[in-house]
Amino acid sequence: MKTLRLLLLCLLPVMMLSCTDTREELTIQKNGKGMLVIKTDMGKMLEMLKGFGGKDMANGELDKAMDTTMWMKDYIDTAKDATPEQKALFRDAQVHVALNMKENLGKLDMHFPFASLDDLQKIYTNMNSSQGGLKNMFNGMNSKMSAMPDQPSPTPESKDEMPQISNVYDIVIKDGLYSRKVNKQRYDDFGKAMKLDDMKQMGGMLGDLKMDYTLELNLPRPVKKISNPKAVQSADKRTVTLTNDLMEVFQHPELLALEIEY
């Protein structure tokens, strides 16, 4: 049962990243190595679900608090759809899950170390693709976990998974350059899948409930030029932070667009 809870917490944020507080933290060292961390917080969503009559969620199979870290290297070899390059790219990644339904705690942190800017570019390319390596990694974990004792058989994968707002951006990483631009075709596809007109009505129903997407870049050298006026720089100009309300980003994806020269 514990494995089932863990599986659900791993898959839901990946499929529902557009409906949670999300923080993307990128750290690049002088030698090109670094870490990409994506933190997903479902606390507000859990509280909202309870408000709509979902209190029974805390009394079922998700009732027990948990705090677990998984290493992708223990699972990715079971991902049959992933290429050898993708497996090597994500092998050292780790996933941390914390869940306490009674306290509206639901967090998933994914850590992706990279050995070079070229590897970082590949990580972003895989993550932002509907057929990417990250998706295949979790599919592999699903296969392995479902084979454990007391676990249900895997269900057919839905073809209508909720899209991710991060997928609408073309991200380019080079030494001295970070570029994040809106891909119009992918945004149009995102809008159709998300039914943005319906999302506007949902925003009114949510009231004061606000969900943010925060991008934090920690760079090896000071920023020379930055495109987005909403981005905040640290005193030494080596850290850039950009935060926007997700509902606004859904309508205006350029709010998270950014180009930095450093």
Foldseek 3Di string as FASTA:
>chain_A
DVLVLVLCLVPVCLLVVLPFAKEWEWEAAPQAWTKIKIKTWCLLVLVVCVVVVNPCVCVDPQVDWDKDKDFLLVFQVQLPLDDPVLCVQRRRKMKIWTDHSVNSTTMIMIMGIDDHQVSVLLVLVQSLDPSHSVVSSSVRVQCVSCPDPPHPDDDDDDPLGQDDLSNQWNWDDDVQKTWTHGNVVVLVVNCVSVVLVVVVVVVVVVPPDWHKYKYKYAANAAWDDKDAPQWDADPRRRMIMAMDTSNVCNVVVCSPTMMIGD
